[in-house]
Amino acid sequence: MGRRSCLSCLVAVLAAASLFSASCAGTPKANPSASPSTLPTTASPGPPDTSQTCTPVTPPATGAMVTSEVQYDWAVPRTMVSRPGGDFGGDLFAVCTGDHPNENPAYSRISFYFKGGPPPYDFNYAAQVLTEAKGDPIPLQGNSFLRVHFNGIPETSVAPPQNQAVGFQNLKNYGCSGPFEGSVTCGLGIQVAAGSDQALPIRTTYLVRDPDGTGNALQYVIAFDVQAG
């Protein structure tokens, strides 16, 4: 009787040990090196704009690319396309342009730099692009015009250029209006084949840069790429 009781105890102990082992195997282990404040890093579509021209200031090119997300891949936005940002837009503090003629496909880029958070935005090709307050046409070169609109922009943002020459193969200039009542509208002057209804494909990318490596001075960038054609 005592031997049978011991055998029963042994079987119970072994069963409990088996259940414990299976439970541990199914439980993911915590990563002691992971930090809840660490932001994911992803690859950037295309090379970084190290030789871009900026106004009114040139953002630092140092530091890590925290994230990069294509929000609208190569297509023609004949009707309005909207993309969400954060709960509110941050201050616009720089606009930069860069050319990438050796990429496949070749393209020109205009980047809008914000601090504090990314704004929601929308864009489309238009017959003309109008200013925010008065509704006057923004002076644009070329024969094809892309309207870009940012919402939720603080009045403390810099006033972007009203007519800035670029001079790339297709992207010729840009002009902006605002901030006015939380909005900034920009037009991109694009040159396509004369007398045609050609509209070049557009790509938009949302990037976050960490110039000093601390995470305390993040740059939020919305980049528009105009495919060469």
Protein backbone atom coordinates (compact mmCIF):
# COMPACT_ATOMS: atom_id res chain seq x y z
CA MET A 1 0.00 0.00 0.00
CA GLY A 2 2.84 2.39 0.82
CA ARG A 3 4.65 1.50 -2.42
CA ARG A 4 1.49 2.15 -4.48
CA SER A 5 1.03 5.51 -2.74
CA CYS A 6 4.63 6.50 -3.54
CA LEU A 7 4.12 5.54 -7.20
CA SER A 8 0.99 7.67 -7.33
CA CYS A 9 2.90 10.59 -5.85
CA LEU A 10 5.70 10.15 -8.40
CA VAL A 11 3.25 10.12 -11.31
CA ALA A 12 1.60 13.31 -10.01
CA VAL A 13 4.95 15.06 -9.65
CA LEU A 14 6.04 14.08 -13.17
CA ALA A 15 2.72 15.28 -14.65
CA ALA A 16 3.02 18.62 -12.88
CA ALA A 17 6.59 19.03 -14.10
CA SER A 18 5.50 18.31 -17.67
CA LEU A 19 2.73 20.91 -17.52
CA PHE A 20 5.11 23.50 -16.06
CA SER A 21 7.67 22.85 -18.82
CA ALA A 22 5.04 23.19 -21.57
CA SER A 23 3.75 26.39 -20.02
CA CYS A 24 7.23 27.92 -19.90
CA ALA A 25 7.97 26.89 -23.48
CA GLY A 26 4.86 28.70 -24.70
CA THR A 27 5.58 31.95 -22.86
CA PRO A 28 7.67 34.51 -24.83
CA LYS A 29 10.71 35.71 -22.94
CA ALA A 30 11.21 39.42 -22.34
CA ASN A 31 14.10 41.08 -24.13
CA PRO A 32 16.14 42.84 -21.44
CA SER A 33 17.80 45.06 -24.05
CA ALA A 34 14.52 46.35 -25.51
CA SER A 35 13.35 49.78 -24.48
CA PRO A 36 9.70 50.86 -24.68
CA SER A 37 10.83 54.23 -26.02
CA THR A 38 12.84 52.69 -28.88
CA LEU A 39 11.37 53.61 -32.28
CA PRO A 40 11.56 51.12 -35.18
CA THR A 41 14.05 51.72 -37.94
CA THR A 42 13.11 50.87 -41.51
CA ALA A 43 14.81 51.30 -44.84
CA SER A 44 14.40 54.51 -46.78
CA PRO A 45 13.06 54.40 -50.34
CA GLY A 46 15.84 56.04 -52.31
CA PRO A 47 19.06 57.63 -51.10
CA PRO A 48 19.16 60.33 -48.42
CA ASP A 49 19.09 63.90 -49.65
CA THR A 50 22.60 64.91 -48.65
CA SER A 51 22.93 67.58 -51.36
CA GLN A 52 19.53 69.21 -51.08
CA THR A 53 18.83 72.93 -51.18
CA CYS A 54 16.75 74.25 -48.27
CA THR A 55 14.99 77.41 -47.16
CA PRO A 56 14.97 79.20 -44.75
CA VAL A 57 17.30 76.82 -42.86
CA THR A 58 19.13 73.60 -43.70
CA PRO A 59 18.13 70.77 -41.32
CA PRO A 60 21.03 68.70 -39.95
CA ALA A 61 21.86 65.71 -42.18
CA THR A 62 23.42 63.79 -39.28
CA GLY A 63 21.74 61.20 -37.10
CA ALA A 64 19.59 58.15 -37.75
CA MET A 65 16.60 57.63 -39.98
CA VAL A 66 14.07 56.41 -37.41
CA THR A 67 11.34 55.38 -39.83
CA SER A 68 10.42 55.69 -43.48
CA GLU A 69 7.03 54.86 -44.93
CA VAL A 70 5.83 55.20 -48.51
CA GLN A 71 2.32 56.58 -48.13
CA TYR A 72 1.49 56.89 -51.84
CA ASP A 73 3.45 54.84 -54.33
CA TRP A 74 4.12 55.87 -57.91
CA ALA A 75 0.74 56.86 -59.38
CA VAL A 76 -1.04 59.87 -60.88
CA PRO A 77 -3.28 61.71 -58.35
CA ARG A 78 -5.90 63.12 -60.73
CA THR A 79 -8.37 63.39 -57.84
CA MET A 80 -7.60 64.46 -54.27
CA VAL A 81 -5.61 61.99 -52.18
CA SER A 82 -5.62 62.39 -48.38
CA ARG A 83 -3.18 61.00 -45.86
CA PRO A 84 -3.50 61.25 -42.04
CA GLY A 85 -0.87 62.78 -39.81
CA GLY A 86 -0.75 63.09 -36.04
CA ASP A 87 -3.40 64.51 -33.74
CA PHE A 88 -2.13 67.94 -34.76
CA GLY A 89 0.49 69.26 -37.13
CA GLY A 90 3.85 70.52 -35.99
CA ASP A 91 5.68 73.69 -36.98
CA LEU A 92 6.85 73.79 -40.57
CA PHE A 93 10.46 74.97 -40.36
CA ALA A 94 12.12 74.12 -43.70
CA VAL A 95 11.42 73.18 -47.30
CA CYS A 96 14.13 71.32 -49.24
CA THR A 97 14.58 70.14 -52.82
CA GLY A 98 16.92 67.51 -54.24
CA ASP A 99 17.39 65.81 -57.59
CA HIS A 100 17.96 62.07 -58.14
CA PRO A 101 18.62 61.64 -61.88
CA ASN A 102 20.55 58.37 -61.49
CA GLU A 103 17.84 56.45 -59.63
CA ASN A 104 15.49 53.98 -61.29
CA PRO A 105 13.12 55.61 -61.86
CA ALA A 106 14.76 59.04 -61.83
CA TYR A 107 12.92 61.64 -59.78
CA SER A 108 13.08 65.05 -58.11
CA ARG A 109 12.10 65.48 -54.45
CA ILE A 110 10.63 68.30 -52.40
CA SER A 111 10.62 67.71 -48.63
CA PHE A 112 8.63 69.56 -45.99
CA TYR A 113 10.23 69.47 -42.51
CA PHE A 114 8.12 69.72 -39.35
CA LYS A 115 8.94 69.63 -35.65
CA GLY A 116 6.47 68.50 -33.02
CA GLY A 117 4.55 66.07 -35.22
CA PRO A 118 3.41 65.32 -38.77
CA PRO A 119 0.32 67.08 -40.16
CA PRO A 120 -2.45 65.50 -42.20
CA TYR A 121 -2.12 66.38 -45.88
CA ASP A 122 -3.83 66.01 -49.23
CA PHE A 123 -2.72 66.54 -52.82
CA ASN A 124 -3.84 66.33 -56.44
CA TYR A 125 -3.10 67.65 -59.90
CA ALA A 126 -4.99 70.87 -60.59
CA ALA A 127 -5.45 73.40 -63.38
CA GLN A 128 -4.12 76.04 -60.97
CA VAL A 129 -3.20 76.28 -57.29
CA LEU A 130 -4.76 79.08 -55.25
CA THR A 131 -3.54 80.97 -52.20
CA GLU A 132 -5.15 80.36 -48.82
CA ALA A 133 -6.54 83.79 -47.93
CA LYS A 134 -7.40 85.54 -51.20
CA GLY A 135 -7.72 82.65 -53.63
CA ASP A 136 -5.21 84.15 -56.06
CA PRO A 137 -3.25 81.80 -58.35
CA ILE A 138 0.18 80.85 -57.02
CA PRO A 139 2.77 81.69 -59.73
CA LEU A 140 4.03 78.37 -61.07
CA GLN A 141 6.30 77.50 -63.97
CA GLY A 142 5.74 74.62 -66.37
CA ASN A 143 2.45 73.31 -67.72
CA SER A 144 1.37 70.80 -65.04
CA PHE A 145 0.62 71.72 -61.43
CA LEU A 146 0.46 69.64 -58.26
CA ARG A 147 -1.50 71.08 -55.32
CA VAL A 148 -0.21 70.13 -51.84
CA HIS A 149 -2.19 71.07 -48.74
CA PHE A 150 -1.21 70.65 -45.07
CA ASN A 151 -3.73 71.03 -42.26
CA GLY A 152 -3.36 71.80 -38.56
CA ILE A 153 -0.26 73.98 -39.00
CA PRO A 154 0.47 76.42 -36.11
CA GLU A 155 0.73 80.10 -36.89
CA THR A 156 4.24 79.95 -35.42
CA SER A 157 5.43 78.06 -38.52
CA VAL A 158 7.70 79.80 -40.98
CA ALA A 159 6.07 81.24 -44.09
CA PRO A 160 7.41 79.08 -46.95
CA PRO A 161 8.52 80.74 -50.21
CA GLN A 162 5.83 82.15 -52.46
CA ASN A 163 7.86 81.55 -55.61
CA GLN A 164 11.03 79.46 -55.37
CA ALA A 165 12.90 78.41 -58.51
CA VAL A 166 14.14 74.82 -58.61
CA GLY A 167 15.16 74.21 -62.22
CA PHE A 168 15.24 70.39 -62.36
CA GLN A 169 14.31 68.40 -65.46
CA ASN A 170 10.59 68.39 -64.68
CA LEU A 171 10.19 70.09 -61.28
CA LYS A 172 10.73 73.75 -62.17
CA ASN A 173 9.56 75.73 -59.13
CA TYR A 174 7.24 75.75 -56.16
CA GLY A 175 5.23 78.37 -54.33
CA CYS A 176 3.34 78.30 -51.03
CA SER A 177 0.67 80.23 -49.19
CA GLY A 178 0.15 80.35 -45.43
CA PRO A 179 0.05 79.47 -42.68
CA PHE A 180 -3.50 80.81 -42.64
CA GLU A 181 -6.10 79.46 -40.21
CA GLY A 182 -4.05 76.31 -39.72
CA SER A 183 -3.46 75.60 -43.40
CA VAL A 184 -0.51 75.77 -45.77
CA THR A 185 -1.05 75.26 -49.50
CA CYS A 186 1.81 74.78 -51.94
CA GLY A 187 1.93 74.35 -55.67
CA LEU A 188 4.58 72.45 -57.63
CA GLY A 189 5.30 73.73 -61.13
CA ILE A 190 6.07 70.76 -63.36
CA GLN A 191 7.12 70.72 -67.01
CA VAL A 192 5.77 67.94 -69.24
CA ALA A 193 5.63 67.49 -73.00
CA ALA A 194 4.29 70.62 -74.67
CA GLY A 195 0.68 70.42 -75.82
CA SER A 196 0.07 67.12 -74.02
CA ASP A 197 -2.14 66.12 -71.10
CA GLN A 198 0.72 64.15 -69.57
CA ALA A 199 0.74 63.89 -65.77
CA LEU A 200 3.86 62.50 -64.13
CA PRO A 201 3.62 59.84 -61.40
CA ILE A 202 4.00 61.04 -57.80
CA ARG A 203 5.27 59.26 -54.70
CA THR A 204 4.94 60.51 -51.12
CA THR A 205 7.07 59.31 -48.22
CA TYR A 206 6.77 59.98 -44.49
CA LEU A 207 10.13 60.03 -42.70
CA VAL A 208 11.24 60.62 -39.13
CA ARG A 209 14.85 61.68 -38.52
CA ASP A 210 16.70 61.81 -35.21
CA PRO A 211 19.49 64.33 -35.88
CA ASP A 212 21.14 64.29 -32.44
CA GLY A 213 20.43 60.68 -31.45
CA THR A 214 18.48 61.60 -28.31
CA GLY A 215 14.94 61.33 -29.64
CA ASN A 216 14.22 64.78 -28.24
CA ALA A 217 14.54 66.78 -31.48
CA LEU A 218 12.85 64.54 -34.03
CA GLN A 219 12.28 65.88 -37.53
CA TYR A 220 9.05 64.83 -39.25
CA VAL A 221 9.41 64.94 -43.03
CA ILE A 222 6.80 64.59 -45.76
CA ALA A 223 8.53 64.17 -49.12
CA PHE A 224 6.96 64.43 -52.57
CA ASP A 225 8.79 62.74 -55.44
CA VAL A 226 8.08 63.73 -59.04
CA GLN A 227 9.07 60.99 -61.48
CA ALA A 228 11.18 62.21 -64.39
CA GLY A 229 9.50 61.94 -67.75
